[in-house]
Amino acid sequence: MAVALVLWLGAVLGACGGDDGGGRLSAEAFAARANETCTELQDEVEATFADLPPDGEPALYQGVIKKLVPLVDGGADDLDELQPPADIEARFDEALAAMRAGNDKVREASQSPEAAATIFATDRDPYDDANSIFDELGLTECGSGGTDDAA
């Protein structure tokens, strides 16, 4: 009886489409979880920017960056814990690498108030490369669809 229950439970869980049995998420479950993670990250990022005046002093920008960098590091780590479908794993890894590279640029800019202000004044978002890959993968909240005017 116990064996039949285990087999039945395995069949039911397999039909839910969350995991392919090898720890990998289905495409739908992966996109949902990644977008949920990115929505939470975006909410935290927006809260970090909420008190920044449009023409703030460079030191204010530096303060925001010092809060932003660990948030993005944590978001990348959370995303890295997901098991994407095998057919997109390499591209997803590229997106995470680009996200971390963008965050390294932001981290470097946190070293001085002037550098921090400069990174906000440029048209090039340090996370653009990651955003475009996330968009390509349909992870709308992780890509440019999930960003407003932040960083």
C-alpha atoms as a PDB file:
ATOM      1  CA  MET A   1       0.000   0.000   0.000  1.00  0.00           C
ATOM      2  CA  ALA A   2       2.812   2.428   0.900  1.00  0.00           C
ATOM      3  CA  VAL A   3       4.525   1.803  -2.441  1.00  0.00           C
ATOM      4  CA  ALA A   4       1.291   2.522  -4.315  1.00  0.00           C
ATOM      5  CA  LEU A   5       0.839   5.756  -2.359  1.00  0.00           C
ATOM      6  CA  VAL A   6       4.397   6.862  -3.138  1.00  0.00           C
ATOM      7  CA  LEU A   7       3.944   6.085  -6.846  1.00  0.00           C
ATOM      8  CA  TRP A   8       0.615   7.911  -6.936  1.00  0.00           C
ATOM      9  CA  LEU A   9       2.072  10.923  -5.132  1.00  0.00           C
ATOM     10  CA  GLY A  10       5.005  10.976  -7.570  1.00  0.00           C
ATOM     11  CA  ALA A  11       2.636  10.913 -10.538  1.00  0.00           C
ATOM     12  CA  VAL A  12       0.525  13.742  -9.109  1.00  0.00           C
ATOM     13  CA  LEU A  13       3.527  15.919  -8.343  1.00  0.00           C
ATOM     14  CA  GLY A  14       5.016  15.210 -11.756  1.00  0.00           C
ATOM     15  CA  ALA A  15       1.794  16.296 -13.417  1.00  0.00           C
ATOM     16  CA  CYS A  16       1.963  19.648 -11.646  1.00  0.00           C
ATOM     17  CA  GLY A  17       4.866  20.676 -13.887  1.00  0.00           C
ATOM     18  CA  GLY A  18       7.074  22.104 -11.169  1.00  0.00           C
ATOM     19  CA  ASP A  19      10.069  19.819 -11.430  1.00  0.00           C
ATOM     20  CA  ASP A  20      11.224  17.467 -14.173  1.00  0.00           C
ATOM     21  CA  GLY A  21      12.486  14.932 -11.655  1.00  0.00           C
ATOM     22  CA  GLY A  22      16.115  16.002 -11.977  1.00  0.00           C
ATOM     23  CA  GLY A  23      15.684  19.088  -9.816  1.00  0.00           C
ATOM     24  CA  ARG A  24      15.006  21.267 -12.838  1.00  0.00           C
ATOM     25  CA  LEU A  25      11.914  23.393 -12.988  1.00  0.00           C
ATOM     26  CA  SER A  26       9.520  23.317 -15.898  1.00  0.00           C
ATOM     27  CA  ALA A  27       9.712  26.378 -18.131  1.00  0.00           C
ATOM     28  CA  GLU A  28       6.492  27.759 -16.635  1.00  0.00           C
ATOM     29  CA  ALA A  29       7.505  27.144 -13.019  1.00  0.00           C
ATOM     30  CA  PHE A  30      10.970  28.568 -13.646  1.00  0.00           C
ATOM     31  CA  ALA A  31       9.608  31.754 -15.239  1.00  0.00           C
ATOM     32  CA  ALA A  32       7.095  32.185 -12.413  1.00  0.00           C
ATOM     33  CA  ARG A  33       9.695  31.750  -9.679  1.00  0.00           C
ATOM     34  CA  ALA A  34      12.296  33.923 -11.401  1.00  0.00           C
ATOM     35  CA  ASN A  35       9.756  36.677 -12.017  1.00  0.00           C
ATOM     36  CA  GLU A  36       8.591  36.461  -8.394  1.00  0.00           C
ATOM     37  CA  THR A  37      12.181  36.802  -7.190  1.00  0.00           C
ATOM     38  CA  CYS A  38      12.775  39.755  -9.491  1.00  0.00           C
ATOM     39  CA  THR A  39       9.535  41.460  -8.454  1.00  0.00           C
ATOM     40  CA  GLU A  40      10.640  41.284  -4.828  1.00  0.00           C
ATOM     41  CA  LEU A  41      14.076  42.619  -5.783  1.00  0.00           C
ATOM     42  CA  GLN A  42      12.570  45.426  -7.830  1.00  0.00           C
ATOM     43  CA  ASP A  43      10.330  46.431  -4.909  1.00  0.00           C
ATOM     44  CA  GLU A  44      13.393  46.643  -2.648  1.00  0.00           C
ATOM     45  CA  VAL A  45      15.340  48.613  -5.271  1.00  0.00           C
ATOM     46  CA  GLU A  46      12.486  51.076  -5.747  1.00  0.00           C
ATOM     47  CA  ALA A  47      12.240  51.568  -1.975  1.00  0.00           C
ATOM     48  CA  THR A  48      15.966  52.331  -1.927  1.00  0.00           C
ATOM     49  CA  PHE A  49      15.479  55.042  -4.548  1.00  0.00           C
ATOM     50  CA  ALA A  50      12.311  56.482  -3.015  1.00  0.00           C
ATOM     51  CA  ASP A  51      14.007  59.168  -0.940  1.00  0.00           C
ATOM     52  CA  LEU A  52      16.520  60.234  -3.566  1.00  0.00           C
ATOM     53  CA  PRO A  53      15.712  63.707  -4.888  1.00  0.00           C
ATOM     54  CA  PRO A  54      16.076  64.169  -8.661  1.00  0.00           C
ATOM     55  CA  ASP A  55      19.011  66.554  -8.270  1.00  0.00           C
ATOM     56  CA  GLY A  56      20.524  65.134  -5.115  1.00  0.00           C
ATOM     57  CA  GLU A  57      24.023  65.680  -3.849  1.00  0.00           C
ATOM     58  CA  PRO A  58      26.623  63.149  -5.032  1.00  0.00           C
ATOM     59  CA  ALA A  59      26.900  61.766  -1.483  1.00  0.00           C
ATOM     60  CA  LEU A  60      23.195  60.845  -1.598  1.00  0.00           C
ATOM     61  CA  TYR A  61      23.785  58.838  -4.778  1.00  0.00           C
ATOM     62  CA  GLN A  62      26.696  57.100  -3.109  1.00  0.00           C
ATOM     63  CA  GLY A  63      24.462  56.174  -0.176  1.00  0.00           C
ATOM     64  CA  VAL A  64      21.838  54.709  -2.487  1.00  0.00           C
ATOM     65  CA  ILE A  65      24.437  52.662  -4.337  1.00  0.00           C
ATOM     66  CA  LYS A  66      25.799  51.280  -1.081  1.00  0.00           C
ATOM     67  CA  LYS A  67      22.291  49.973  -0.347  1.00  0.00           C
ATOM     68  CA  LEU A  68      21.644  48.847  -3.932  1.00  0.00           C
ATOM     69  CA  VAL A  69      24.719  46.648  -4.426  1.00  0.00           C
ATOM     70  CA  PRO A  70      23.932  44.100  -1.685  1.00  0.00           C
ATOM     71  CA  LEU A  71      20.299  43.948  -2.815  1.00  0.00           C
ATOM     72  CA  VAL A  72      21.325  43.031  -6.357  1.00  0.00           C
ATOM     73  CA  ASP A  73      23.958  40.601  -5.064  1.00  0.00           C
ATOM     74  CA  GLY A  74      21.247  38.880  -3.025  1.00  0.00           C
ATOM     75  CA  GLY A  75      18.832  38.840  -5.961  1.00  0.00           C
ATOM     76  CA  ALA A  76      21.457  37.250  -8.209  1.00  0.00           C
ATOM     77  CA  ASP A  77      22.166  34.643  -5.533  1.00  0.00           C
ATOM     78  CA  ASP A  78      18.438  33.899  -5.182  1.00  0.00           C
ATOM     79  CA  LEU A  79      18.080  33.495  -8.947  1.00  0.00           C
ATOM     80  CA  ASP A  80      21.182  31.316  -9.044  1.00  0.00           C
ATOM     81  CA  GLU A  81      19.461  28.847  -6.703  1.00  0.00           C
ATOM     82  CA  LEU A  82      16.742  28.162  -9.287  1.00  0.00           C
ATOM     83  CA  GLN A  83      17.159  25.192 -11.597  1.00  0.00           C
ATOM     84  CA  PRO A  84      16.206  26.420 -15.074  1.00  0.00           C
ATOM     85  CA  PRO A  85      15.181  24.038 -17.834  1.00  0.00           C
ATOM     86  CA  ALA A  86      18.280  22.533 -19.439  1.00  0.00           C
ATOM     87  CA  ASP A  87      17.647  24.218 -22.799  1.00  0.00           C
ATOM     88  CA  ILE A  88      18.010  27.717 -21.325  1.00  0.00           C
ATOM     89  CA  GLU A  89      20.485  27.048 -18.534  1.00  0.00           C
ATOM     90  CA  ALA A  90      23.546  28.373 -20.384  1.00  0.00           C
ATOM     91  CA  ARG A  91      21.771  31.558 -21.463  1.00  0.00           C
ATOM     92  CA  PHE A  92      20.368  32.073 -17.955  1.00  0.00           C
ATOM     93  CA  ASP A  93      23.898  31.690 -16.567  1.00  0.00           C
ATOM     94  CA  GLU A  94      25.011  34.399 -19.026  1.00  0.00           C
ATOM     95  CA  ALA A  95      22.245  36.670 -17.733  1.00  0.00           C
ATOM     96  CA  LEU A  96      23.370  36.129 -14.148  1.00  0.00           C
ATOM     97  CA  ALA A  97      26.984  36.818 -15.118  1.00  0.00           C
ATOM     98  CA  ALA A  98      25.898  40.035 -16.848  1.00  0.00           C
ATOM     99  CA  MET A  99      23.818  41.001 -13.808  1.00  0.00           C
ATOM    100  CA  ARG A 100      26.827  40.506 -11.557  1.00  0.00           C
ATOM    101  CA  ALA A 101      29.114  42.376 -13.977  1.00  0.00           C
ATOM    102  CA  GLY A 102      26.680  45.305 -13.998  1.00  0.00           C
ATOM    103  CA  ASN A 103      26.595  45.240 -10.231  1.00  0.00           C
ATOM    104  CA  ASP A 104      30.401  45.269 -10.156  1.00  0.00           C
ATOM    105  CA  LYS A 105      30.296  48.512 -12.166  1.00  0.00           C
ATOM    106  CA  VAL A 106      27.830  49.956  -9.699  1.00  0.00           C
ATOM    107  CA  ARG A 107      29.986  48.715  -6.788  1.00  0.00           C
ATOM    108  CA  GLU A 108      33.019  50.494  -8.308  1.00  0.00           C
ATOM    109  CA  ALA A 109      30.980  53.677  -8.585  1.00  0.00           C
ATOM    110  CA  SER A 110      30.220  53.508  -4.871  1.00  0.00           C
ATOM    111  CA  GLN A 111      33.854  54.323  -4.089  1.00  0.00           C
ATOM    112  CA  SER A 112      33.310  58.071  -4.461  1.00  0.00           C
ATOM    113  CA  PRO A 113      30.322  60.433  -4.449  1.00  0.00           C
ATOM    114  CA  GLU A 114      31.305  61.789  -7.871  1.00  0.00           C
ATOM    115  CA  ALA A 115      31.505  58.341  -9.462  1.00  0.00           C
ATOM    116  CA  ALA A 116      28.161  57.456  -7.906  1.00  0.00           C
ATOM    117  CA  ALA A 117      26.521  60.564  -9.336  1.00  0.00           C
ATOM    118  CA  THR A 118      28.100  59.895 -12.743  1.00  0.00           C
ATOM    119  CA  ILE A 119      26.686  56.396 -13.018  1.00  0.00           C
ATOM    120  CA  PHE A 120      23.191  57.824 -12.520  1.00  0.00           C
ATOM    121  CA  ALA A 121      23.801  60.540 -15.122  1.00  0.00           C
ATOM    122  CA  THR A 122      24.687  58.188 -17.989  1.00  0.00           C
ATOM    123  CA  ASP A 123      22.175  56.816 -20.461  1.00  0.00           C
ATOM    124  CA  ARG A 124      23.683  53.328 -20.265  1.00  0.00           C
ATOM    125  CA  ASP A 125      22.209  51.237 -17.461  1.00  0.00           C
ATOM    126  CA  PRO A 126      24.890  48.928 -16.037  1.00  0.00           C
ATOM    127  CA  TYR A 127      22.294  46.158 -16.018  1.00  0.00           C
ATOM    128  CA  ASP A 128      21.259  46.532 -19.693  1.00  0.00           C
ATOM    129  CA  ASP A 129      23.130  43.416 -20.861  1.00  0.00           C
ATOM    130  CA  ALA A 130      21.468  41.291 -18.189  1.00  0.00           C
ATOM    131  CA  ASN A 131      18.072  42.862 -18.866  1.00  0.00           C
ATOM    132  CA  SER A 132      18.219  42.052 -22.568  1.00  0.00           C
ATOM    133  CA  ILE A 133      19.019  38.383 -21.880  1.00  0.00           C
ATOM    134  CA  PHE A 134      16.287  38.152 -19.253  1.00  0.00           C
ATOM    135  CA  ASP A 135      13.869  39.698 -21.786  1.00  0.00           C
ATOM    136  CA  GLU A 136      14.968  37.151 -24.395  1.00  0.00           C
ATOM    137  CA  LEU A 137      14.239  34.349 -21.911  1.00  0.00           C
ATOM    138  CA  GLY A 138      10.774  35.743 -21.185  1.00  0.00           C
ATOM    139  CA  LEU A 139      11.651  36.717 -17.628  1.00  0.00           C
ATOM    140  CA  THR A 140       9.785  39.990 -17.887  1.00  0.00           C
ATOM    141  CA  GLU A 141      10.173  41.091 -14.273  1.00  0.00           C
ATOM    142  CA  CYS A 142      13.908  40.364 -14.356  1.00  0.00           C
ATOM    143  CA  GLY A 143      14.481  42.181 -17.634  1.00  0.00           C
ATOM    144  CA  SER A 144      13.691  45.676 -18.742  1.00  0.00           C
ATOM    145  CA  GLY A 145       9.980  45.148 -18.201  1.00  0.00           C
ATOM    146  CA  GLY A 146      10.587  44.968 -14.474  1.00  0.00           C
ATOM    147  CA  THR A 147      12.646  48.136 -14.269  1.00  0.00           C
ATOM    148  CA  ASP A 148      11.436  51.668 -14.188  1.00  0.00           C
ATOM    149  CA  ASP A 149      13.885  54.509 -13.851  1.00  0.00           C
ATOM    150  CA  ALA A 150      16.012  52.854 -11.194  1.00  0.00           C
ATOM    151  CA  ALA A 151      19.760  52.297 -11.584  1.00  0.00           C
END
